[in-house]
Full PDB file with SEQRES, HELIX, SHEET, SSBOND, CRYST1, ORIGX, SCALE, CONECT and MASTER records, all heavy atoms in Angstrom:
SEQRES   1 A   32  GLY ALA THR ALA LEU ALA HIS LEU ARG ALA VAL THR ILE          
SEQRES   2 A   32  ASP ARG ARG LEU GLY PRO GLU ALA SER GLU ALA LEU LEU          
SEQRES   3 A   32  ARG PHE VAL GLU GLY GLN                                      
HELIX    1 AA1 ALA A    2  VAL A   11  1                                  10    
HELIX    2 AA2 GLU A   23  GLY A   31  1                                   9    
CRYST1    1.000    1.000    1.000  90.00  90.00  90.00 P 1           1          
ORIGX1      1.000000  0.000000  0.000000        0.00000                         
ORIGX2      0.000000  1.000000  0.000000        0.00000                         
ORIGX3      0.000000  0.000000  1.000000        0.00000                         
SCALE1      1.000000  0.000000  0.000000        0.00000                         
SCALE2      0.000000  1.000000  0.000000        0.00000                         
SCALE3      0.000000  0.000000  1.000000        0.00000                         
ATOM      1  N   GLY A   1       0.742  -1.201  -0.008  1.00  0.00           N  
ATOM      2  CA  GLY A   1       0.032   0.002   0.014  1.00  0.00           C  
ATOM      3  C   GLY A   1       0.847   1.240   0.056  1.00  0.00           C  
ATOM      4  O   GLY A   1       0.527   2.308  -0.664  1.00  0.00           O  
ATOM      5  N   ALA A   2       1.972   1.340   0.763  1.00  0.00           N  
ATOM      6  CA  ALA A   2       2.825   2.373   0.755  1.00  0.00           C  
ATOM      7  C   ALA A   2       3.433   2.686  -0.556  1.00  0.00           C  
ATOM      8  O   ALA A   2       3.616   3.731  -1.039  1.00  0.00           O  
ATOM      9  CB  ALA A   2       3.868   2.101   1.856  1.00  0.00           C  
ATOM     10  N   THR A   3       3.880   1.522  -1.242  1.00  0.00           N  
ATOM     11  CA  THR A   3       4.474   1.658  -2.662  1.00  0.00           C  
ATOM     12  C   THR A   3       3.409   2.213  -3.501  1.00  0.00           C  
ATOM     13  O   THR A   3       3.810   3.146  -4.276  1.00  0.00           O  
ATOM     14  CB  THR A   3       5.009   0.200  -3.056  1.00  0.00           C  
ATOM     15  OG1 THR A   3       5.957  -0.334  -2.164  1.00  0.00           O  
ATOM     16  CG2 THR A   3       5.478   0.327  -4.439  1.00  0.00           C  
ATOM     17  N   ALA A   4       2.165   1.693  -3.496  1.00  0.00           N  
ATOM     18  CA  ALA A   4       1.244   2.098  -4.394  1.00  0.00           C  
ATOM     19  C   ALA A   4       0.869   3.657  -4.164  1.00  0.00           C  
ATOM     20  O   ALA A   4       0.882   4.441  -5.085  1.00  0.00           O  
ATOM     21  CB  ALA A   4      -0.038   1.332  -4.272  1.00  0.00           C  
ATOM     22  N   LEU A   5       0.837   4.132  -2.899  1.00  0.00           N  
ATOM     23  CA  LEU A   5       0.520   5.518  -2.514  1.00  0.00           C  
ATOM     24  C   LEU A   5       1.726   6.331  -2.969  1.00  0.00           C  
ATOM     25  O   LEU A   5       1.522   7.482  -3.430  1.00  0.00           O  
ATOM     26  CB  LEU A   5       0.268   5.549  -1.025  1.00  0.00           C  
ATOM     27  CG  LEU A   5      -0.380   6.925  -0.643  1.00  0.00           C  
ATOM     28  CD1 LEU A   5      -1.653   7.186  -1.366  1.00  0.00           C  
ATOM     29  CD2 LEU A   5      -0.519   6.856   0.873  1.00  0.00           C  
ATOM     30  N   ALA A   6       2.916   5.876  -2.766  1.00  0.00           N  
ATOM     31  CA  ALA A   6       4.137   6.652  -3.124  1.00  0.00           C  
ATOM     32  C   ALA A   6       4.028   6.871  -4.710  1.00  0.00           C  
ATOM     33  O   ALA A   6       4.394   7.957  -5.116  1.00  0.00           O  
ATOM     34  CB  ALA A   6       5.362   5.996  -2.751  1.00  0.00           C  
ATOM     35  N   HIS A   7       3.688   5.882  -5.407  1.00  0.00           N  
ATOM     36  CA  HIS A   7       3.627   5.988  -6.839  1.00  0.00           C  
ATOM     37  C   HIS A   7       2.705   6.940  -7.294  1.00  0.00           C  
ATOM     38  O   HIS A   7       2.748   7.927  -8.132  1.00  0.00           O  
ATOM     39  CB  HIS A   7       3.382   4.687  -7.671  1.00  0.00           C  
ATOM     40  CG  HIS A   7       3.089   4.721  -9.044  1.00  0.00           C  
ATOM     41  ND1 HIS A   7       4.130   5.018  -9.919  1.00  0.00           N  
ATOM     42  CD2 HIS A   7       1.966   4.728  -9.618  1.00  0.00           C  
ATOM     43  CE1 HIS A   7       3.561   5.097 -11.199  1.00  0.00           C  
ATOM     44  NE2 HIS A   7       2.333   4.905 -11.056  1.00  0.00           N  
ATOM     45  N   LEU A   8       1.357   6.873  -6.710  1.00  0.00           N  
ATOM     46  CA  LEU A   8       0.400   7.799  -6.951  1.00  0.00           C  
ATOM     47  C   LEU A   8       0.767   9.419  -6.755  1.00  0.00           C  
ATOM     48  O   LEU A   8       0.534  10.254  -7.553  1.00  0.00           O  
ATOM     49  CB  LEU A   8      -0.888   7.525  -6.106  1.00  0.00           C  
ATOM     50  CG  LEU A   8      -1.698   6.313  -6.673  1.00  0.00           C  
ATOM     51  CD1 LEU A   8      -2.825   6.116  -5.637  1.00  0.00           C  
ATOM     52  CD2 LEU A   8      -2.306   6.500  -7.994  1.00  0.00           C  
ATOM     53  N   ARG A   9       1.479   9.477  -5.621  1.00  0.00           N  
ATOM     54  CA  ARG A   9       1.939  10.821  -5.189  1.00  0.00           C  
ATOM     55  C   ARG A   9       2.977  11.218  -6.155  1.00  0.00           C  
ATOM     56  O   ARG A   9       2.998  12.419  -6.706  1.00  0.00           O  
ATOM     57  CB  ARG A   9       2.549  10.791  -3.820  1.00  0.00           C  
ATOM     58  CG  ARG A   9       3.126  12.077  -3.393  1.00  0.00           C  
ATOM     59  CD  ARG A   9       3.670  12.115  -1.953  1.00  0.00           C  
ATOM     60  NE  ARG A   9       2.659  12.693  -1.048  1.00  0.00           N  
ATOM     61  CZ  ARG A   9       2.544  13.935  -0.985  1.00  0.00           C  
ATOM     62  NH1 ARG A   9       3.092  14.789  -1.781  1.00  0.00           N  
ATOM     63  NH2 ARG A   9       1.575  14.549  -0.151  1.00  0.00           N  
ATOM     64  N   ALA A  10       3.887  10.415  -6.627  1.00  0.00           N  
ATOM     65  CA  ALA A  10       4.984  10.877  -7.604  1.00  0.00           C  
ATOM     66  C   ALA A  10       4.405  11.192  -8.951  1.00  0.00           C  
ATOM     67  O   ALA A  10       4.912  12.237  -9.534  1.00  0.00           O  
ATOM     68  CB  ALA A  10       5.886   9.575  -7.838  1.00  0.00           C  
ATOM     69  N   VAL A  11       3.300  10.583  -9.486  1.00  0.00           N  
ATOM     70  CA  VAL A  11       2.791  10.838 -10.729  1.00  0.00           C  
ATOM     71  C   VAL A  11       1.681  12.055 -10.724  1.00  0.00           C  
ATOM     72  O   VAL A  11       1.174  12.343 -11.810  1.00  0.00           O  
ATOM     73  CB  VAL A  11       2.370   9.526 -11.496  1.00  0.00           C  
ATOM     74  CG1 VAL A  11       3.367   8.617 -11.694  1.00  0.00           C  
ATOM     75  CG2 VAL A  11       1.091   8.948 -10.753  1.00  0.00           C  
ATOM     76  N   THR A  12       1.451  12.437  -9.482  1.00  0.00           N  
ATOM     77  CA  THR A  12       0.355  13.437  -9.520  1.00  0.00           C  
ATOM     78  C   THR A  12       0.896  14.714  -8.701  1.00  0.00           C  
ATOM     79  O   THR A  12       1.196  15.750  -9.318  1.00  0.00           O  
ATOM     80  CB  THR A  12      -1.017  12.969  -8.807  1.00  0.00           C  
ATOM     81  OG1 THR A  12      -0.659  12.384  -7.489  1.00  0.00           O  
ATOM     82  CG2 THR A  12      -1.587  11.931  -9.720  1.00  0.00           C  
ATOM     83  N   ILE A  13       0.874  14.555  -7.395  1.00  0.00           N  
ATOM     84  CA  ILE A  13       1.285  15.731  -6.501  1.00  0.00           C  
ATOM     85  C   ILE A  13       2.606  16.205  -6.845  1.00  0.00           C  
ATOM     86  O   ILE A  13       2.924  17.381  -6.816  1.00  0.00           O  
ATOM     87  CB  ILE A  13       1.090  15.354  -4.985  1.00  0.00           C  
ATOM     88  CG1 ILE A  13      -0.549  15.100  -4.898  1.00  0.00           C  
ATOM     89  CG2 ILE A  13       1.545  16.456  -4.069  1.00  0.00           C  
ATOM     90  CD1 ILE A  13      -0.885  14.601  -3.499  1.00  0.00           C  
ATOM     91  N   ASP A  14       3.614  15.347  -6.930  1.00  0.00           N  
ATOM     92  CA  ASP A  14       4.965  15.793  -7.170  1.00  0.00           C  
ATOM     93  C   ASP A  14       5.342  16.168  -8.550  1.00  0.00           C  
ATOM     94  O   ASP A  14       6.397  16.448  -8.905  1.00  0.00           O  
ATOM     95  CB  ASP A  14       5.940  14.687  -6.588  1.00  0.00           C  
ATOM     96  CG  ASP A  14       5.756  14.504  -5.093  1.00  0.00           C  
ATOM     97  OD1 ASP A  14       5.349  15.384  -4.432  1.00  0.00           O  
ATOM     98  OD2 ASP A  14       6.136  13.453  -4.587  1.00  0.00           O  
ATOM     99  N   ARG A  15       4.454  15.836  -9.492  1.00  0.00           N  
ATOM    100  CA  ARG A  15       4.515  16.088 -10.954  1.00  0.00           C  
ATOM    101  C   ARG A  15       4.664  17.674 -11.198  1.00  0.00           C  
ATOM    102  O   ARG A  15       3.770  18.326 -10.799  1.00  0.00           O  
ATOM    103  CB  ARG A  15       3.514  15.513 -11.663  1.00  0.00           C  
ATOM    104  CG  ARG A  15       3.589  15.682 -13.246  1.00  0.00           C  
ATOM    105  CD  ARG A  15       2.440  15.044 -13.944  1.00  0.00           C  
ATOM    106  NE  ARG A  15       2.665  15.132 -15.429  1.00  0.00           N  
ATOM    107  CZ  ARG A  15       1.585  14.889 -16.175  1.00  0.00           C  
ATOM    108  NH1 ARG A  15       0.434  14.366 -15.757  1.00  0.00           N  
ATOM    109  NH2 ARG A  15       1.803  15.006 -17.530  1.00  0.00           N  
ATOM    110  N   ARG A  16       5.592  18.059 -11.968  1.00  0.00           N  
ATOM    111  CA  ARG A  16       5.742  19.407 -12.392  1.00  0.00           C  
ATOM    112  C   ARG A  16       5.656  19.544 -13.924  1.00  0.00           C  
ATOM    113  O   ARG A  16       6.258  18.789 -14.642  1.00  0.00           O  
ATOM    114  CB  ARG A  16       7.092  19.936 -11.904  1.00  0.00           C  
ATOM    115  CG  ARG A  16       7.332  19.984 -10.469  1.00  0.00           C  
ATOM    116  CD  ARG A  16       6.506  20.882  -9.716  1.00  0.00           C  
ATOM    117  NE  ARG A  16       6.579  20.648  -8.309  1.00  0.00           N  
ATOM    118  CZ  ARG A  16       5.830  20.151  -7.519  1.00  0.00           C  
ATOM    119  NH1 ARG A  16       4.807  19.569  -7.874  1.00  0.00           N  
ATOM    120  NH2 ARG A  16       6.066  20.006  -6.122  1.00  0.00           N  
ATOM    121  N   LEU A  17       4.842  20.607 -14.274  1.00  0.00           N  
ATOM    122  CA  LEU A  17       4.550  20.734 -15.726  1.00  0.00           C  
ATOM    123  C   LEU A  17       5.337  21.964 -16.175  1.00  0.00           C  
ATOM    124  O   LEU A  17       5.652  22.908 -15.447  1.00  0.00           O  
ATOM    125  CB  LEU A  17       3.043  21.047 -16.004  1.00  0.00           C  
ATOM    126  CG  LEU A  17       2.201  19.772 -15.633  1.00  0.00           C  
ATOM    127  CD1 LEU A  17       0.816  20.242 -15.742  1.00  0.00           C  
ATOM    128  CD2 LEU A  17       2.497  18.561 -16.356  1.00  0.00           C  
ATOM    129  N   GLY A  18       5.867  21.969 -17.385  1.00  0.00           N  
ATOM    130  CA  GLY A  18       6.577  23.145 -17.968  1.00  0.00           C  
ATOM    131  C   GLY A  18       5.631  24.211 -18.289  1.00  0.00           C  
ATOM    132  O   GLY A  18       4.439  24.119 -18.276  1.00  0.00           O  
ATOM    133  N   PRO A  19       6.270  25.310 -18.681  1.00  0.00           N  
ATOM    134  CA  PRO A  19       5.412  26.523 -19.050  1.00  0.00           C  
ATOM    135  C   PRO A  19       4.593  26.342 -20.238  1.00  0.00           C  
ATOM    136  O   PRO A  19       3.633  27.008 -20.576  1.00  0.00           O  
ATOM    137  CB  PRO A  19       6.520  27.721 -19.253  1.00  0.00           C  
ATOM    138  CG  PRO A  19       7.728  26.866 -19.525  1.00  0.00           C  
ATOM    139  CD  PRO A  19       7.660  25.627 -18.799  1.00  0.00           C  
ATOM    140  N   GLU A  20       4.906  25.313 -21.114  1.00  0.00           N  
ATOM    141  CA  GLU A  20       4.097  25.075 -22.327  1.00  0.00           C  
ATOM    142  C   GLU A  20       2.801  24.209 -22.230  1.00  0.00           C  
ATOM    143  O   GLU A  20       2.038  24.054 -22.970  1.00  0.00           O  
ATOM    144  CB  GLU A  20       4.999  24.308 -23.322  1.00  0.00           C  
ATOM    145  CG  GLU A  20       5.241  22.879 -23.097  1.00  0.00           C  
ATOM    146  CD  GLU A  20       6.361  22.579 -21.910  1.00  0.00           C  
ATOM    147  OE1 GLU A  20       6.971  23.586 -21.414  1.00  0.00           O  
ATOM    148  OE2 GLU A  20       6.379  21.506 -21.545  1.00  0.00           O  
ATOM    149  N   ALA A  21       2.710  23.821 -20.875  1.00  0.00           N  
ATOM    150  CA  ALA A  21       1.458  23.036 -20.595  1.00  0.00           C  
ATOM    151  C   ALA A  21       0.155  23.836 -20.832  1.00  0.00           C  
ATOM    152  O   ALA A  21       0.116  25.009 -20.414  1.00  0.00           O  
ATOM    153  CB  ALA A  21       1.403  22.648 -19.124  1.00  0.00           C  
ATOM    154  N   SER A  22      -0.776  23.183 -21.424  1.00  0.00           N  
ATOM    155  CA  SER A  22      -2.017  23.860 -21.807  1.00  0.00           C  
ATOM    156  C   SER A  22      -2.854  23.981 -20.556  1.00  0.00           C  
ATOM    157  O   SER A  22      -2.674  23.196 -19.567  1.00  0.00           O  
ATOM    158  CB  SER A  22      -2.801  22.993 -22.865  1.00  0.00           C  
ATOM    159  OG  SER A  22      -3.267  21.834 -22.274  1.00  0.00           O  
ATOM    160  N   GLU A  23      -3.829  24.887 -20.665  1.00  0.00           N  
ATOM    161  CA  GLU A  23      -4.768  24.993 -19.556  1.00  0.00           C  
ATOM    162  C   GLU A  23      -5.560  23.787 -19.273  1.00  0.00           C  
ATOM    163  O   GLU A  23      -5.752  23.415 -18.132  1.00  0.00           O  
ATOM    164  CB  GLU A  23      -5.743  26.202 -19.852  1.00  0.00           C  
ATOM    165  CG  GLU A  23      -6.748  26.394 -18.615  1.00  0.00           C  
ATOM    166  CD  GLU A  23      -7.650  27.613 -19.024  1.00  0.00           C  
ATOM    167  OE1 GLU A  23      -7.307  28.441 -19.851  1.00  0.00           O  
ATOM    168  OE2 GLU A  23      -8.706  27.602 -18.302  1.00  0.00           O  
ATOM    169  N   ALA A  24      -5.906  23.088 -20.262  1.00  0.00           N  
ATOM    170  CA  ALA A  24      -6.622  21.784 -20.176  1.00  0.00           C  
ATOM    171  C   ALA A  24      -5.805  20.691 -19.426  1.00  0.00           C  
ATOM    172  O   ALA A  24      -6.212  20.019 -18.492  1.00  0.00           O  
ATOM    173  CB  ALA A  24      -7.047  21.211 -21.489  1.00  0.00           C  
ATOM    174  N   LEU A  25      -4.486  20.632 -19.720  1.00  0.00           N  
ATOM    175  CA  LEU A  25      -3.556  19.711 -19.021  1.00  0.00           C  
ATOM    176  C   LEU A  25      -3.535  20.141 -17.513  1.00  0.00           C  
ATOM    177  O   LEU A  25      -3.482  19.272 -16.628  1.00  0.00           O  
ATOM    178  CB  LEU A  25      -2.262  19.635 -19.668  1.00  0.00           C  
ATOM    179  CG  LEU A  25      -1.244  18.798 -19.035  1.00  0.00           C  
ATOM    180  CD1 LEU A  25      -1.702  17.275 -18.948  1.00  0.00           C  
ATOM    181  CD2 LEU A  25       0.167  18.668 -19.766  1.00  0.00           C  
ATOM    182  N   LEU A  26      -3.334  21.502 -17.319  1.00  0.00           N  
ATOM    183  CA  LEU A  26      -3.240  22.007 -15.936  1.00  0.00           C  
ATOM    184  C   LEU A  26      -4.552  21.594 -15.182  1.00  0.00           C  
ATOM    185  O   LEU A  26      -4.301  21.075 -13.881  1.00  0.00           O  
ATOM    186  CB  LEU A  26      -2.923  23.405 -15.918  1.00  0.00           C  
ATOM    187  CG  LEU A  26      -1.582  23.941 -16.466  1.00  0.00           C  
ATOM    188  CD1 LEU A  26      -1.594  25.451 -16.637  1.00  0.00           C  
ATOM    189  CD2 LEU A  26      -0.571  23.558 -15.527  1.00  0.00           C  
ATOM    190  N   ARG A  27      -5.480  21.766 -15.684  1.00  0.00           N  
ATOM    191  CA  ARG A  27      -6.840  21.416 -15.060  1.00  0.00           C  
ATOM    192  C   ARG A  27      -6.881  19.758 -14.809  1.00  0.00           C  
ATOM    193  O   ARG A  27      -7.408  19.418 -13.726  1.00  0.00           O  
ATOM    194  CB  ARG A  27      -8.113  21.827 -15.801  1.00  0.00           C  
ATOM    195  CG  ARG A  27      -8.273  23.266 -15.871  1.00  0.00           C  
ATOM    196  CD  ARG A  27      -9.360  23.789 -16.646  1.00  0.00           C  
ATOM    197  NE  ARG A  27      -9.458  25.250 -16.828  1.00  0.00           N  
ATOM    198  CZ  ARG A  27     -10.069  25.998 -15.948  1.00  0.00           C  
ATOM    199  NH1 ARG A  27     -10.606  25.420 -14.931  1.00  0.00           N  
ATOM    200  NH2 ARG A  27     -10.197  27.198 -16.049  1.00  0.00           N  
ATOM    201  N   PHE A  28      -6.485  19.034 -15.713  1.00  0.00           N  
ATOM    202  CA  PHE A  28      -6.534  17.582 -15.641  1.00  0.00           C  
ATOM    203  C   PHE A  28      -5.679  17.150 -14.474  1.00  0.00           C  
ATOM    204  O   PHE A  28      -6.038  16.382 -13.642  1.00  0.00           O  
ATOM    205  CB  PHE A  28      -6.126  16.976 -16.997  1.00  0.00           C  
ATOM    206  CG  PHE A  28      -6.060  15.530 -16.908  1.00  0.00           C  
ATOM    207  CD1 PHE A  28      -7.184  14.629 -16.879  1.00  0.00           C  
ATOM    208  CD2 PHE A  28      -4.774  14.905 -16.922  1.00  0.00           C  
ATOM    209  CE1 PHE A  28      -7.088  13.224 -16.799  1.00  0.00           C  
ATOM    210  CE2 PHE A  28      -4.742  13.353 -16.912  1.00  0.00           C  
ATOM    211  CZ  PHE A  28      -5.825  12.682 -16.896  1.00  0.00           C  
ATOM    212  N   VAL A  29      -4.507  17.652 -14.482  1.00  0.00           N  
ATOM    213  CA  VAL A  29      -3.446  17.231 -13.434  1.00  0.00           C  
ATOM    214  C   VAL A  29      -3.931  17.741 -12.031  1.00  0.00           C  
ATOM    215  O   VAL A  29      -3.807  17.049 -11.055  1.00  0.00           O  
ATOM    216  CB  VAL A  29      -1.962  17.838 -13.769  1.00  0.00           C  
ATOM    217  CG1 VAL A  29      -1.067  17.611 -12.605  1.00  0.00           C  
ATOM    218  CG2 VAL A  29      -1.480  17.120 -15.090  1.00  0.00           C  
ATOM    219  N   GLU A  30      -4.499  18.856 -12.015  1.00  0.00           N  
ATOM    220  CA  GLU A  30      -5.011  19.336 -10.764  1.00  0.00           C  
ATOM    221  C   GLU A  30      -6.056  18.494 -10.185  1.00  0.00           C  
ATOM    222  O   GLU A  30      -6.198  18.229  -8.935  1.00  0.00           O  
ATOM    223  CB  GLU A  30      -5.536  20.794 -10.806  1.00  0.00           C  
ATOM    224  CG  GLU A  30      -5.851  21.411  -9.470  1.00  0.00           C  
ATOM    225  CD  GLU A  30      -4.831  21.356  -8.359  1.00  0.00           C  
ATOM    226  OE1 GLU A  30      -3.608  21.466  -8.793  1.00  0.00           O  
ATOM    227  OE2 GLU A  30      -5.213  21.288  -7.357  1.00  0.00           O  
ATOM    228  N   GLY A  31      -6.944  17.945 -11.090  1.00  0.00           N  
ATOM    229  CA  GLY A  31      -7.987  16.966 -10.645  1.00  0.00           C  
ATOM    230  C   GLY A  31      -7.268  15.703 -10.092  1.00  0.00           C  
ATOM    231  O   GLY A  31      -7.853  15.165  -9.105  1.00  0.00           O  
ATOM    232  N   GLN A  32      -6.365  15.201 -10.749  1.00  0.00           N  
ATOM    233  CA  GLN A  32      -5.561  14.110 -10.203  1.00  0.00           C  
ATOM    234  C   GLN A  32      -4.920  14.187  -8.771  1.00  0.00           C  
ATOM    235  O   GLN A  32      -5.098  13.387  -7.990  1.00  0.00           O  
ATOM    236  CB  GLN A  32      -4.448  13.750 -11.191  1.00  0.00           C  
ATOM    237  CG  GLN A  32      -4.864  13.158 -12.578  1.00  0.00           C  
ATOM    238  CD  GLN A  32      -3.723  12.792 -13.416  1.00  0.00           C  
ATOM    239  OE1 GLN A  32      -2.736  13.483 -13.405  1.00  0.00           O  
ATOM    240  NE2 GLN A  32      -3.930  11.701 -14.180  1.00  0.00           N  
TER     241      GLN A  32                                                      
MASTER        0    0    0    2    0    0    0    6  240    1    0    3          
END                                                                             
């Protein structure tokens, strides 16, 4: 469970998008 939660955190909360990210992508990632 800790491994799964760490993965979820890494691909969502800790993910950083570049300045070229679209508004749609920013909204999608924020939902995640």
